[in-house]
Amino acid sequence: MFPDLTRDDVFRLETRRLWLRWPRQADAAALVRLAGEKVVADMAGFISHPYPPAEAERFIFAARQANADGRRLVMAVTPRAKPRDLIGAVEIRCDGPSAPVLGYWLGTPSWDQGFATEAARSLIDAFFAYTEGKELAASVRVINPDGQRVLEKCGFAHIGSGLESFPARGGLLPVDRFRLDRRKWQSLKTWSASDYVPNGPDEPLLAAVAH
């Protein structure tokens, strides 16, 4: 799904305030601390609470392997001035014949600052710019209005509700479902917060969750 450009761990996306890069083993402690916080984990399908260090390490290994295979693009979200300091994660996964799925989460210290929208827009831009994908899907728990607002700010349209599996929460839970197609994305390319600079090996400078 994703091109060779994204399959090297030097690939990154830069926004006005953020640096999105591949997850690293050094991120494990931050993952345990931030993703494992109950208010964060409760909105996610696959994050345990508490979040054991071994599980965080498995996530990092799996994310890097999926990135290298081009099946997913999982990016650690970090402050641009402190690219070693993970504050969250954003991903697009392509695990089946249905539309690729956007997912994201941020640790609570980074809430209410627009970082989730900024990170999501950057990855959405990369998806439509670097792949031939026609649309993205996303879903959030019905009790997560903040997650819904992020999707709406990114141009997603609400398409209905339903039940989805949340293994770490013990079963099926109600969600709101959203879609964004390429035509809508193209009409929203003037997003000021999503200007980023893809920077892979020998890549020229270009003017350009989680469930």
N, C-alpha and C. Protein backbone atom coordinates (compact mmCIF):
# COMPACT_ATOMS: atom_id res chain seq x y z
N MET A 1 0.82 -1.20 0.00
CA MET A 1 0.00 0.00 0.00
C MET A 1 0.86 1.26 0.00
N PHE A 2 1.80 1.34 0.95
CA PHE A 2 2.64 2.52 1.05
C PHE A 2 3.92 2.34 0.24
N PRO A 3 4.45 3.42 -0.33
CA PRO A 3 5.61 3.32 -1.23
C PRO A 3 6.92 3.15 -0.48
N ASP A 4 7.99 2.90 -1.25
CA ASP A 4 9.31 2.69 -0.65
C ASP A 4 9.75 3.86 0.22
N LEU A 5 9.35 5.06 -0.14
CA LEU A 5 9.75 6.25 0.60
C LEU A 5 9.43 6.13 2.08
N THR A 6 8.26 5.57 2.40
CA THR A 6 7.83 5.50 3.80
C THR A 6 8.36 4.26 4.52
N ARG A 7 9.01 3.35 3.79
CA ARG A 7 9.40 2.06 4.37
C ARG A 7 10.79 2.06 4.98
N ASP A 8 11.39 3.22 5.09
CA ASP A 8 12.70 3.37 5.72
C ASP A 8 12.51 4.18 7.00
N ASP A 9 13.19 3.80 8.08
CA ASP A 9 12.92 4.46 9.34
C ASP A 9 13.48 5.87 9.45
N VAL A 10 14.11 6.37 8.40
CA VAL A 10 14.49 7.79 8.40
C VAL A 10 13.35 8.67 7.91
N PHE A 11 12.29 8.06 7.38
CA PHE A 11 11.15 8.83 6.90
C PHE A 11 10.51 9.58 8.05
N ARG A 12 10.16 10.84 7.83
CA ARG A 12 9.47 11.61 8.83
C ARG A 12 8.56 12.63 8.16
N LEU A 13 7.63 13.16 8.94
CA LEU A 13 6.74 14.22 8.50
C LEU A 13 6.86 15.36 9.51
N GLU A 14 7.04 16.56 9.02
CA GLU A 14 7.15 17.71 9.90
C GLU A 14 5.96 18.64 9.69
N THR A 15 5.37 19.11 10.77
CA THR A 15 4.33 20.11 10.74
C THR A 15 4.88 21.37 11.42
N ARG A 16 4.03 22.33 11.61
CA ARG A 16 4.48 23.58 12.23
C ARG A 16 5.03 23.35 13.63
N ARG A 17 4.42 22.40 14.37
CA ARG A 17 4.84 22.19 15.76
C ARG A 17 5.31 20.78 16.07
N LEU A 18 5.11 19.85 15.14
CA LEU A 18 5.33 18.44 15.43
C LEU A 18 6.31 17.79 14.46
N TRP A 19 6.87 16.68 14.91
CA TRP A 19 7.71 15.82 14.10
C TRP A 19 7.14 14.41 14.24
N LEU A 20 6.72 13.82 13.13
CA LEU A 20 6.22 12.45 13.12
C LEU A 20 7.29 11.54 12.56
N ARG A 21 7.65 10.53 13.30
CA ARG A 21 8.71 9.60 12.91
C ARG A 21 8.29 8.19 13.26
N TRP A 22 9.10 7.20 12.78
CA TRP A 22 8.84 5.82 13.15
C TRP A 22 9.00 5.64 14.67
N PRO A 23 8.20 4.75 15.28
CA PRO A 23 8.42 4.42 16.69
C PRO A 23 9.78 3.73 16.88
N ARG A 24 10.38 3.94 18.06
CA ARG A 24 11.67 3.35 18.40
C ARG A 24 11.55 2.63 19.74
N GLN A 25 12.46 1.69 19.98
CA GLN A 25 12.44 0.98 21.25
C GLN A 25 12.57 1.93 22.43
N ALA A 26 13.27 3.04 22.23
CA ALA A 26 13.42 4.02 23.30
C ALA A 26 12.11 4.69 23.67
N ASP A 27 11.05 4.50 22.87
CA ASP A 27 9.74 5.08 23.15
C ASP A 27 8.93 4.25 24.13
N ALA A 28 9.41 3.06 24.49
CA ALA A 28 8.59 2.13 25.27
C ALA A 28 8.13 2.72 26.59
N ALA A 29 9.02 3.38 27.31
CA ALA A 29 8.64 3.93 28.62
C ALA A 29 7.55 4.98 28.48
N ALA A 30 7.66 5.85 27.47
CA ALA A 30 6.63 6.87 27.25
C ALA A 30 5.31 6.23 26.85
N LEU A 31 5.36 5.16 26.06
CA LEU A 31 4.14 4.45 25.70
C LEU A 31 3.44 3.90 26.93
N VAL A 32 4.20 3.27 27.81
CA VAL A 32 3.63 2.71 29.03
C VAL A 32 2.97 3.80 29.86
N ARG A 33 3.64 4.92 30.00
CA ARG A 33 3.16 6.01 30.85
C ARG A 33 1.96 6.73 30.24
N LEU A 34 2.01 7.03 28.95
CA LEU A 34 0.99 7.86 28.32
C LEU A 34 -0.17 7.06 27.75
N ALA A 35 0.12 6.03 26.95
CA ALA A 35 -0.95 5.24 26.35
C ALA A 35 -1.69 4.43 27.39
N GLY A 36 -0.98 4.03 28.45
CA GLY A 36 -1.60 3.20 29.46
C GLY A 36 -2.46 3.93 30.46
N GLU A 37 -2.46 5.27 30.40
CA GLU A 37 -3.33 6.02 31.30
C GLU A 37 -4.79 5.67 31.00
N LYS A 38 -5.58 5.49 32.03
CA LYS A 38 -6.93 4.94 31.85
C LYS A 38 -7.79 5.76 30.88
N VAL A 39 -7.74 7.08 30.97
CA VAL A 39 -8.61 7.90 30.11
C VAL A 39 -8.20 7.80 28.64
N VAL A 40 -6.93 7.43 28.38
CA VAL A 40 -6.47 7.22 27.01
C VAL A 40 -6.81 5.81 26.56
N ALA A 41 -6.45 4.83 27.36
CA ALA A 41 -6.68 3.43 27.00
C ALA A 41 -8.16 3.12 26.80
N ASP A 42 -9.02 3.75 27.59
CA ASP A 42 -10.46 3.45 27.50
C ASP A 42 -11.04 3.78 26.13
N MET A 43 -10.43 4.69 25.39
CA MET A 43 -10.94 5.07 24.06
C MET A 43 -10.36 4.20 22.95
N ALA A 44 -9.42 3.31 23.29
CA ALA A 44 -8.71 2.52 22.28
C ALA A 44 -9.10 1.05 22.36
N GLY A 45 -9.01 0.38 21.23
CA GLY A 45 -9.40 -1.01 21.18
C GLY A 45 -8.33 -1.98 21.61
N PHE A 46 -7.05 -1.57 21.49
CA PHE A 46 -5.97 -2.53 21.66
C PHE A 46 -4.93 -2.09 22.70
N ILE A 47 -5.24 -1.10 23.53
CA ILE A 47 -4.31 -0.64 24.55
C ILE A 47 -4.81 -1.08 25.91
N SER A 48 -4.03 -1.89 26.60
CA SER A 48 -4.42 -2.38 27.92
C SER A 48 -4.22 -1.30 28.97
N HIS A 49 -4.94 -1.45 30.07
CA HIS A 49 -4.73 -0.59 31.24
C HIS A 49 -4.67 -1.47 32.48
N PRO A 50 -3.52 -1.47 33.15
CA PRO A 50 -2.27 -0.76 32.80
C PRO A 50 -1.62 -1.40 31.57
N TYR A 51 -0.68 -0.67 31.01
CA TYR A 51 -0.03 -1.08 29.76
C TYR A 51 1.35 -1.64 30.10
N PRO A 52 1.54 -2.96 30.05
CA PRO A 52 2.80 -3.56 30.48
C PRO A 52 3.95 -3.18 29.54
N PRO A 53 5.17 -3.02 30.07
CA PRO A 53 6.32 -2.70 29.21
C PRO A 53 6.51 -3.70 28.07
N ALA A 54 6.28 -4.98 28.33
CA ALA A 54 6.47 -5.98 27.27
C ALA A 54 5.48 -5.77 26.13
N GLU A 55 4.27 -5.33 26.46
CA GLU A 55 3.26 -5.08 25.43
C GLU A 55 3.64 -3.85 24.59
N ALA A 56 4.18 -2.84 25.25
CA ALA A 56 4.64 -1.66 24.52
C ALA A 56 5.78 -2.02 23.57
N GLU A 57 6.68 -2.85 24.03
CA GLU A 57 7.79 -3.26 23.17
C GLU A 57 7.30 -4.08 21.99
N ARG A 58 6.29 -4.94 22.21
CA ARG A 58 5.73 -5.71 21.09
C ARG A 58 5.06 -4.78 20.09
N PHE A 59 4.37 -3.77 20.58
CA PHE A 59 3.73 -2.81 19.68
C PHE A 59 4.77 -2.12 18.80
N ILE A 60 5.87 -1.70 19.39
CA ILE A 60 6.91 -1.00 18.62
C ILE A 60 7.49 -1.92 17.56
N PHE A 61 7.78 -3.15 17.93
CA PHE A 61 8.34 -4.10 16.96
C PHE A 61 7.36 -4.34 15.82
N ALA A 62 6.08 -4.55 16.16
CA ALA A 62 5.07 -4.82 15.14
C ALA A 62 4.86 -3.60 14.24
N ALA A 63 4.89 -2.41 14.84
CA ALA A 63 4.69 -1.19 14.05
C ALA A 63 5.83 -1.01 13.05
N ARG A 64 7.05 -1.22 13.49
CA ARG A 64 8.20 -1.06 12.60
C ARG A 64 8.16 -2.10 11.48
N GLN A 65 7.75 -3.33 11.80
CA GLN A 65 7.66 -4.36 10.78
C GLN A 65 6.58 -4.02 9.76
N ALA A 66 5.43 -3.55 10.25
CA ALA A 66 4.34 -3.18 9.34
C ALA A 66 4.72 -1.99 8.46
N ASN A 67 5.45 -1.03 9.03
CA ASN A 67 5.94 0.10 8.23
C ASN A 67 6.87 -0.38 7.13
N ALA A 68 7.79 -1.27 7.51
CA ALA A 68 8.77 -1.77 6.54
C ALA A 68 8.10 -2.58 5.43
N ASP A 69 7.00 -3.25 5.76
CA ASP A 69 6.27 -4.05 4.77
C ASP A 69 5.33 -3.20 3.91
N GLY A 70 5.10 -1.95 4.32
CA GLY A 70 4.19 -1.09 3.58
C GLY A 70 2.72 -1.35 3.86
N ARG A 71 2.43 -2.19 4.88
CA ARG A 71 1.03 -2.51 5.20
C ARG A 71 0.38 -1.42 6.04
N ARG A 72 1.19 -0.72 6.82
CA ARG A 72 0.71 0.35 7.68
C ARG A 72 1.72 1.48 7.64
N LEU A 73 1.29 2.62 8.15
CA LEU A 73 2.22 3.70 8.42
C LEU A 73 1.91 4.18 9.83
N VAL A 74 2.73 3.73 10.77
CA VAL A 74 2.56 4.06 12.19
C VAL A 74 3.64 5.05 12.56
N MET A 75 3.24 6.22 13.04
CA MET A 75 4.19 7.28 13.34
C MET A 75 4.06 7.72 14.78
N ALA A 76 5.21 7.83 15.46
CA ALA A 76 5.24 8.44 16.77
C ALA A 76 5.09 9.94 16.61
N VAL A 77 4.28 10.55 17.44
CA VAL A 77 4.08 12.00 17.43
C VAL A 77 4.99 12.61 18.49
N THR A 78 5.83 13.56 18.09
CA THR A 78 6.76 14.20 19.00
C THR A 78 6.74 15.71 18.78
N PRO A 79 7.14 16.50 19.78
CA PRO A 79 7.31 17.93 19.54
C PRO A 79 8.45 18.16 18.56
N ARG A 80 8.28 19.12 17.68
CA ARG A 80 9.31 19.39 16.69
C ARG A 80 10.65 19.75 17.34
N ALA A 81 10.59 20.44 18.48
CA ALA A 81 11.82 20.84 19.16
C ALA A 81 12.43 19.71 19.98
N LYS A 82 11.65 18.64 20.24
CA LYS A 82 12.13 17.52 21.04
C LYS A 82 11.72 16.21 20.38
N PRO A 83 12.32 15.86 19.25
CA PRO A 83 11.86 14.71 18.48
C PRO A 83 12.08 13.35 19.16
N ARG A 84 12.79 13.34 20.27
CA ARG A 84 12.94 12.07 21.00
C ARG A 84 11.81 11.83 21.97
N ASP A 85 11.00 12.85 22.23
CA ASP A 85 9.98 12.77 23.28
C ASP A 85 8.61 12.44 22.70
N LEU A 86 8.23 11.17 22.73
CA LEU A 86 6.93 10.75 22.21
C LEU A 86 5.81 11.33 23.07
N ILE A 87 4.79 11.89 22.40
CA ILE A 87 3.61 12.39 23.10
C ILE A 87 2.33 11.68 22.65
N GLY A 88 2.44 10.85 21.61
CA GLY A 88 1.28 10.13 21.10
C GLY A 88 1.66 9.34 19.86
N ALA A 89 0.65 8.88 19.14
CA ALA A 89 0.89 8.12 17.92
C ALA A 89 -0.27 8.30 16.96
N VAL A 90 0.03 8.16 15.67
CA VAL A 90 -1.00 8.23 14.64
C VAL A 90 -0.66 7.18 13.59
N GLU A 91 -1.66 6.55 13.02
CA GLU A 91 -1.39 5.49 12.06
C GLU A 91 -2.49 5.41 11.02
N ILE A 92 -2.13 4.84 9.88
CA ILE A 92 -3.09 4.39 8.88
C ILE A 92 -2.78 2.94 8.61
N ARG A 93 -3.74 2.09 8.81
CA ARG A 93 -3.54 0.65 8.61
C ARG A 93 -4.39 0.16 7.46
N CYS A 94 -3.82 -0.77 6.71
CA CYS A 94 -4.46 -1.33 5.52
C CYS A 94 -4.45 -2.84 5.67
N ASP A 95 -5.35 -3.38 6.50
CA ASP A 95 -5.30 -4.79 6.86
C ASP A 95 -6.26 -5.67 6.07
N GLY A 96 -7.02 -5.11 5.16
CA GLY A 96 -7.97 -5.94 4.44
C GLY A 96 -8.49 -5.23 3.21
N PRO A 97 -9.55 -5.76 2.62
CA PRO A 97 -10.09 -5.17 1.39
C PRO A 97 -10.86 -3.88 1.61
N SER A 98 -11.23 -3.59 2.85
CA SER A 98 -11.98 -2.37 3.12
C SER A 98 -11.05 -1.16 3.12
N ALA A 99 -11.62 0.02 3.27
CA ALA A 99 -10.84 1.26 3.22
C ALA A 99 -9.80 1.28 4.34
N PRO A 100 -8.61 1.81 4.07
CA PRO A 100 -7.61 1.98 5.13
C PRO A 100 -8.19 2.81 6.27
N VAL A 101 -7.68 2.56 7.48
CA VAL A 101 -8.27 3.15 8.69
C VAL A 101 -7.26 4.06 9.38
N LEU A 102 -7.71 5.26 9.72
CA LEU A 102 -6.91 6.20 10.48
C LEU A 102 -7.16 6.00 11.97
N GLY A 103 -6.08 6.00 12.74
CA GLY A 103 -6.20 5.92 14.20
C GLY A 103 -5.20 6.86 14.85
N TYR A 104 -5.47 7.30 16.06
CA TYR A 104 -4.58 8.24 16.73
C TYR A 104 -4.88 8.26 18.22
N TRP A 105 -3.87 8.65 19.00
CA TRP A 105 -4.07 8.95 20.42
C TRP A 105 -2.97 9.90 20.87
N LEU A 106 -3.26 10.66 21.91
CA LEU A 106 -2.27 11.55 22.53
C LEU A 106 -2.31 11.36 24.03
N GLY A 107 -1.15 11.48 24.66
CA GLY A 107 -1.11 11.48 26.12
C GLY A 107 -1.79 12.72 26.67
N THR A 108 -2.34 12.64 27.86
CA THR A 108 -3.13 13.74 28.41
C THR A 108 -2.37 15.06 28.54
N PRO A 109 -1.04 15.07 28.80
CA PRO A 109 -0.35 16.37 28.88
C PRO A 109 -0.41 17.17 27.59
N SER A 110 -0.73 16.52 26.47
CA SER A 110 -0.75 17.19 25.17
C SER A 110 -2.16 17.44 24.65
N TRP A 111 -3.17 17.22 25.50
CA TRP A 111 -4.55 17.45 25.07
C TRP A 111 -4.86 18.95 24.97
N ASP A 112 -5.90 19.26 24.21
CA ASP A 112 -6.46 20.61 24.11
C ASP A 112 -5.49 21.63 23.54
N GLN A 113 -4.58 21.19 22.68
CA GLN A 113 -3.64 22.10 22.04
C GLN A 113 -3.66 21.97 20.51
N GLY A 114 -4.57 21.14 19.99
CA GLY A 114 -4.67 20.96 18.54
C GLY A 114 -3.65 20.01 17.95
N PHE A 115 -2.89 19.31 18.80
CA PHE A 115 -1.85 18.43 18.28
C PHE A 115 -2.43 17.23 17.54
N ALA A 116 -3.52 16.67 18.03
CA ALA A 116 -4.10 15.49 17.37
C ALA A 116 -4.54 15.83 15.96
N THR A 117 -5.19 16.98 15.79
CA THR A 117 -5.63 17.40 14.46
C THR A 117 -4.43 17.65 13.56
N GLU A 118 -3.41 18.30 14.09
CA GLU A 118 -2.22 18.62 13.30
C GLU A 118 -1.51 17.35 12.83
N ALA A 119 -1.38 16.38 13.74
CA ALA A 119 -0.72 15.12 13.39
C ALA A 119 -1.55 14.32 12.40
N ALA A 120 -2.86 14.25 12.64
CA ALA A 120 -3.73 13.47 11.75
C ALA A 120 -3.74 14.06 10.35
N ARG A 121 -3.83 15.39 10.23
CA ARG A 121 -3.84 16.02 8.92
C ARG A 121 -2.55 15.73 8.15
N SER A 122 -1.44 15.73 8.85
CA SER A 122 -0.17 15.47 8.19
C SER A 122 -0.13 14.05 7.61
N LEU A 123 -0.59 13.07 8.39
CA LEU A 123 -0.57 11.70 7.90
C LEU A 123 -1.60 11.50 6.79
N ILE A 124 -2.75 12.15 6.90
CA ILE A 124 -3.76 12.09 5.83
C ILE A 124 -3.18 12.64 4.54
N ASP A 125 -2.51 13.79 4.61
CA ASP A 125 -1.89 14.36 3.42
C ASP A 125 -0.90 13.39 2.80
N ALA A 126 -0.08 12.75 3.64
CA ALA A 126 0.92 11.80 3.14
C ALA A 126 0.23 10.62 2.46
N PHE A 127 -0.87 10.14 3.04
CA PHE A 127 -1.58 9.00 2.46
C PHE A 127 -2.07 9.33 1.06
N PHE A 128 -2.75 10.45 0.91
CA PHE A 128 -3.30 10.78 -0.40
C PHE A 128 -2.22 11.23 -1.39
N ALA A 129 -1.14 11.81 -0.88
CA ALA A 129 -0.07 12.26 -1.78
C ALA A 129 0.80 11.11 -2.27
N TYR A 130 1.01 10.10 -1.42
CA TYR A 130 1.99 9.06 -1.75
C TYR A 130 1.37 7.73 -2.14
N THR A 131 0.06 7.58 -2.00
CA THR A 131 -0.59 6.34 -2.41
C THR A 131 -1.71 6.65 -3.39
N GLU A 132 -2.28 5.62 -3.96
CA GLU A 132 -3.42 5.79 -4.86
C GLU A 132 -4.74 5.54 -4.15
N GLY A 133 -4.70 5.55 -2.82
CA GLY A 133 -5.90 5.30 -2.04
C GLY A 133 -7.02 6.29 -2.35
N LYS A 134 -8.24 5.80 -2.37
CA LYS A 134 -9.39 6.63 -2.74
C LYS A 134 -10.11 7.20 -1.53
N GLU A 135 -9.99 6.53 -0.37
CA GLU A 135 -10.69 7.01 0.80
C GLU A 135 -10.07 6.45 2.08
N LEU A 136 -10.37 7.12 3.18
CA LEU A 136 -9.96 6.68 4.51
C LEU A 136 -11.20 6.51 5.37
N ALA A 137 -11.13 5.55 6.28
CA ALA A 137 -12.18 5.34 7.26
C ALA A 137 -11.62 5.63 8.66
N ALA A 138 -12.51 5.89 9.58
CA ALA A 138 -12.13 6.07 10.98
C ALA A 138 -13.36 5.84 11.83
N SER A 139 -13.14 5.49 13.08
CA SER A 139 -14.25 5.33 14.01
C SER A 139 -13.79 5.71 15.41
N VAL A 140 -14.71 6.22 16.19
CA VAL A 140 -14.41 6.58 17.58
C VAL A 140 -15.59 6.16 18.44
N ARG A 141 -15.31 5.90 19.71
CA ARG A 141 -16.38 5.53 20.62
C ARG A 141 -17.38 6.68 20.72
N VAL A 142 -18.65 6.33 20.88
CA VAL A 142 -19.69 7.35 20.94
C VAL A 142 -19.52 8.25 22.16
N ILE A 143 -18.76 7.82 23.15
CA ILE A 143 -18.52 8.63 24.36
C ILE A 143 -17.26 9.47 24.22
N ASN A 144 -16.74 9.60 23.01
CA ASN A 144 -15.49 10.32 22.79
C ASN A 144 -15.72 11.51 21.85
N PRO A 145 -16.38 12.56 22.30
CA PRO A 145 -16.65 13.70 21.42
C PRO A 145 -15.39 14.42 20.96
N ASP A 146 -14.35 14.42 21.78
CA ASP A 146 -13.10 15.08 21.37
C ASP A 146 -12.50 14.36 20.16
N GLY A 147 -12.53 13.03 20.17
CA GLY A 147 -12.03 12.27 19.03
C GLY A 147 -12.86 12.52 17.78
N GLN A 148 -14.16 12.68 17.95
CA GLN A 148 -15.04 12.98 16.82
C GLN A 148 -14.71 14.34 16.22
N ARG A 149 -14.43 15.32 17.09
CA ARG A 149 -14.12 16.66 16.59
C ARG A 149 -12.83 16.68 15.79
N VAL A 150 -11.85 15.88 16.21
CA VAL A 150 -10.60 15.79 15.44
C VAL A 150 -10.90 15.34 14.02
N LEU A 151 -11.71 14.30 13.88
CA LEU A 151 -12.04 13.79 12.55
C LEU A 151 -12.79 14.83 11.73
N GLU A 152 -13.71 15.52 12.36
CA GLU A 152 -14.48 16.54 11.64
C GLU A 152 -13.57 17.67 11.17
N LYS A 153 -12.60 18.07 12.00
CA LYS A 153 -11.65 19.11 11.61
C LYS A 153 -10.76 18.65 10.46
N CYS A 154 -10.59 17.35 10.32
CA CYS A 154 -9.78 16.80 9.23
C CYS A 154 -10.60 16.55 7.97
N GLY A 155 -11.89 16.89 7.99
CA GLY A 155 -12.72 16.76 6.81
C GLY A 155 -13.54 15.49 6.72
N PHE A 156 -13.46 14.62 7.73
CA PHE A 156 -14.23 13.38 7.71
C PHE A 156 -15.72 13.68 7.87
N ALA A 157 -16.53 12.89 7.20
CA ALA A 157 -17.98 13.00 7.32
C ALA A 157 -18.52 11.81 8.11
N HIS A 158 -19.46 12.07 8.98
CA HIS A 158 -20.10 11.01 9.75
C HIS A 158 -20.99 10.19 8.84
N ILE A 159 -20.84 8.86 8.88
CA ILE A 159 -21.62 8.00 7.98
C ILE A 159 -22.51 7.02 8.73
N GLY A 160 -22.53 7.10 10.05
CA GLY A 160 -23.39 6.19 10.79
C GLY A 160 -22.74 5.70 12.07
N SER A 161 -23.44 4.79 12.71
CA SER A 161 -22.96 4.22 13.97
C SER A 161 -23.05 2.70 13.90
N GLY A 162 -22.41 2.04 14.84
CA GLY A 162 -22.43 0.59 14.86
C GLY A 162 -21.63 0.06 16.02
N LEU A 163 -21.34 -1.23 15.98
CA LEU A 163 -20.54 -1.88 17.01
C LEU A 163 -19.22 -2.31 16.41
N GLU A 164 -18.15 -2.15 17.18
CA GLU A 164 -16.83 -2.62 16.76
C GLU A 164 -16.15 -3.31 17.92
N SER A 165 -15.22 -4.19 17.57
CA SER A 165 -14.50 -4.96 18.58
C SER A 165 -13.44 -4.12 19.27
N PHE A 166 -13.46 -4.11 20.59
CA PHE A 166 -12.44 -3.48 21.41
C PHE A 166 -11.88 -4.55 22.34
N PRO A 167 -10.95 -5.36 21.84
CA PRO A 167 -10.46 -6.50 22.64
C PRO A 167 -9.96 -6.10 24.03
N ALA A 168 -9.25 -4.98 24.11
CA ALA A 168 -8.72 -4.57 25.41
C ALA A 168 -9.79 -4.05 26.34
N ARG A 169 -10.99 -3.77 25.81
CA ARG A 169 -12.11 -3.30 26.64
C ARG A 169 -13.12 -4.42 26.89
N GLY A 170 -12.85 -5.61 26.34
CA GLY A 170 -13.67 -6.76 26.67
C GLY A 170 -14.76 -7.14 25.71
N GLY A 171 -14.82 -6.51 24.51
CA GLY A 171 -15.85 -6.94 23.56
C GLY A 171 -16.26 -5.85 22.60
N LEU A 172 -17.53 -5.92 22.15
CA LEU A 172 -18.05 -4.96 21.19
C LEU A 172 -18.55 -3.71 21.91
N LEU A 173 -18.26 -2.55 21.30
CA LEU A 173 -18.70 -1.28 21.87
C LEU A 173 -19.26 -0.40 20.76
N PRO A 174 -20.21 0.48 21.08
CA PRO A 174 -20.78 1.36 20.05
C PRO A 174 -19.79 2.45 19.62
N VAL A 175 -19.77 2.69 18.31
CA VAL A 175 -18.87 3.69 17.74
C VAL A 175 -19.61 4.53 16.72
N ASP A 176 -19.08 5.73 16.47
CA ASP A 176 -19.48 6.54 15.33
C ASP A 176 -18.46 6.34 14.23
N ARG A 177 -18.94 6.18 12.99
CA ARG A 177 -18.06 5.89 11.86
C ARG A 177 -17.97 7.10 10.93
N PHE A 178 -16.77 7.27 10.35
CA PHE A 178 -16.50 8.44 9.52
C PHE A 178 -15.75 8.02 8.26
N ARG A 179 -15.87 8.85 7.20
CA ARG A 179 -15.16 8.62 5.94
C ARG A 179 -14.61 9.93 5.40
N LEU A 180 -13.49 9.84 4.70
CA LEU A 180 -12.92 10.97 3.97
C LEU A 180 -12.45 10.45 2.62
N ASP A 181 -12.96 11.01 1.53
CA ASP A 181 -12.52 10.55 0.21
C ASP A 181 -11.54 11.54 -0.40
N ARG A 182 -10.90 11.11 -1.46
CA ARG A 182 -9.86 11.92 -2.09
C ARG A 182 -10.40 13.26 -2.58
N ARG A 183 -11.59 13.28 -3.12
CA ARG A 183 -12.14 14.54 -3.64
C ARG A 183 -12.31 15.54 -2.51
N LYS A 184 -12.84 15.08 -1.37
CA LYS A 184 -13.01 16.00 -0.24
C LYS A 184 -11.65 16.47 0.26
N TRP A 185 -10.69 15.56 0.34
CA TRP A 185 -9.34 15.94 0.77
C TRP A 185 -8.76 17.01 -0.13
N GLN A 186 -8.91 16.84 -1.44
CA GLN A 186 -8.36 17.82 -2.37
C GLN A 186 -8.98 19.19 -2.17
N SER A 187 -10.22 19.23 -1.78
CA SER A 187 -10.89 20.51 -1.56
C SER A 187 -10.44 21.18 -0.27
N LEU A 188 -9.75 20.43 0.58
CA LEU A 188 -9.33 20.96 1.88
C LEU A 188 -7.81 21.11 1.99
N LYS A 189 -7.12 21.10 0.88
CA LYS A 189 -5.65 21.13 0.91
C LYS A 189 -5.08 22.46 1.39
N THR A 190 -5.94 23.40 1.68
CA THR A 190 -5.46 24.69 2.18
C THR A 190 -5.31 24.70 3.70
N TRP A 191 -5.47 23.50 4.34
CA TRP A 191 -5.28 23.44 5.79
C TRP A 191 -3.96 24.09 6.16
N SER A 192 -3.96 25.10 6.94
CA SER A 192 -2.71 25.77 7.29
C SER A 192 -1.88 24.95 8.26
N ALA A 193 -2.54 24.19 9.13
CA ALA A 193 -1.78 23.45 10.14
C ALA A 193 -1.14 22.19 9.61
N SER A 194 -1.48 21.77 8.38
CA SER A 194 -0.97 20.50 7.89
C SER A 194 0.19 20.65 6.93
N ASP A 195 0.76 21.84 6.78
CA ASP A 195 1.94 21.99 5.94
C ASP A 195 3.07 21.20 6.56
N TYR A 196 3.68 20.32 5.79
CA TYR A 196 4.76 19.51 6.35
C TYR A 196 5.81 19.32 5.30
N VAL A 197 6.97 18.80 5.75
CA VAL A 197 8.08 18.56 4.85
C VAL A 197 8.45 17.09 4.91
N PRO A 198 8.02 16.25 3.96
CA PRO A 198 8.48 14.87 3.92
C PRO A 198 9.99 14.87 3.72
N ASN A 199 10.67 14.05 4.47
CA ASN A 199 12.13 14.09 4.39
C ASN A 199 12.67 12.68 4.55
N GLY A 200 12.78 11.96 3.46
CA GLY A 200 13.37 10.65 3.45
C GLY A 200 14.76 10.73 2.87
N PRO A 201 15.42 9.61 2.64
CA PRO A 201 16.76 9.64 2.09
C PRO A 201 16.77 10.29 0.71
N ASP A 202 17.56 11.35 0.57
CA ASP A 202 17.70 12.07 -0.70
C ASP A 202 16.38 12.61 -1.22
N GLU A 203 15.41 12.79 -0.33
CA GLU A 203 14.11 13.31 -0.74
C GLU A 203 14.16 14.83 -0.74
N PRO A 204 13.79 15.49 -1.83
CA PRO A 204 13.79 16.94 -1.84
C PRO A 204 12.73 17.50 -0.91
N LEU A 205 12.92 18.70 -0.45
CA LEU A 205 11.93 19.35 0.38
C LEU A 205 10.71 19.67 -0.49
N LEU A 206 9.54 19.27 -0.01
CA LEU A 206 8.32 19.48 -0.76
C LEU A 206 7.42 20.43 0.01
N ALA A 207 6.78 21.34 -0.70
CA ALA A 207 5.78 22.17 -0.05
C ALA A 207 4.50 21.34 0.02
N ALA A 208 4.38 20.86 1.03
CA ALA A 208 3.23 20.06 1.04
C ALA A 208 1.97 20.94 1.09
N VAL A 209 -6.97 8.21 16.37
CA VAL A 209 -6.70 7.83 16.09
C VAL A 209 -7.13 7.03 16.28
N ALA A 210 -6.63 6.30 18.89
CA ALA A 210 -6.51 5.14 18.00
C ALA A 210 -7.43 4.08 18.52
N HIS A 211 -7.86 3.98 17.66
CA HIS A 211 -8.73 2.79 17.90
C HIS A 211 -7.88 1.57 17.92
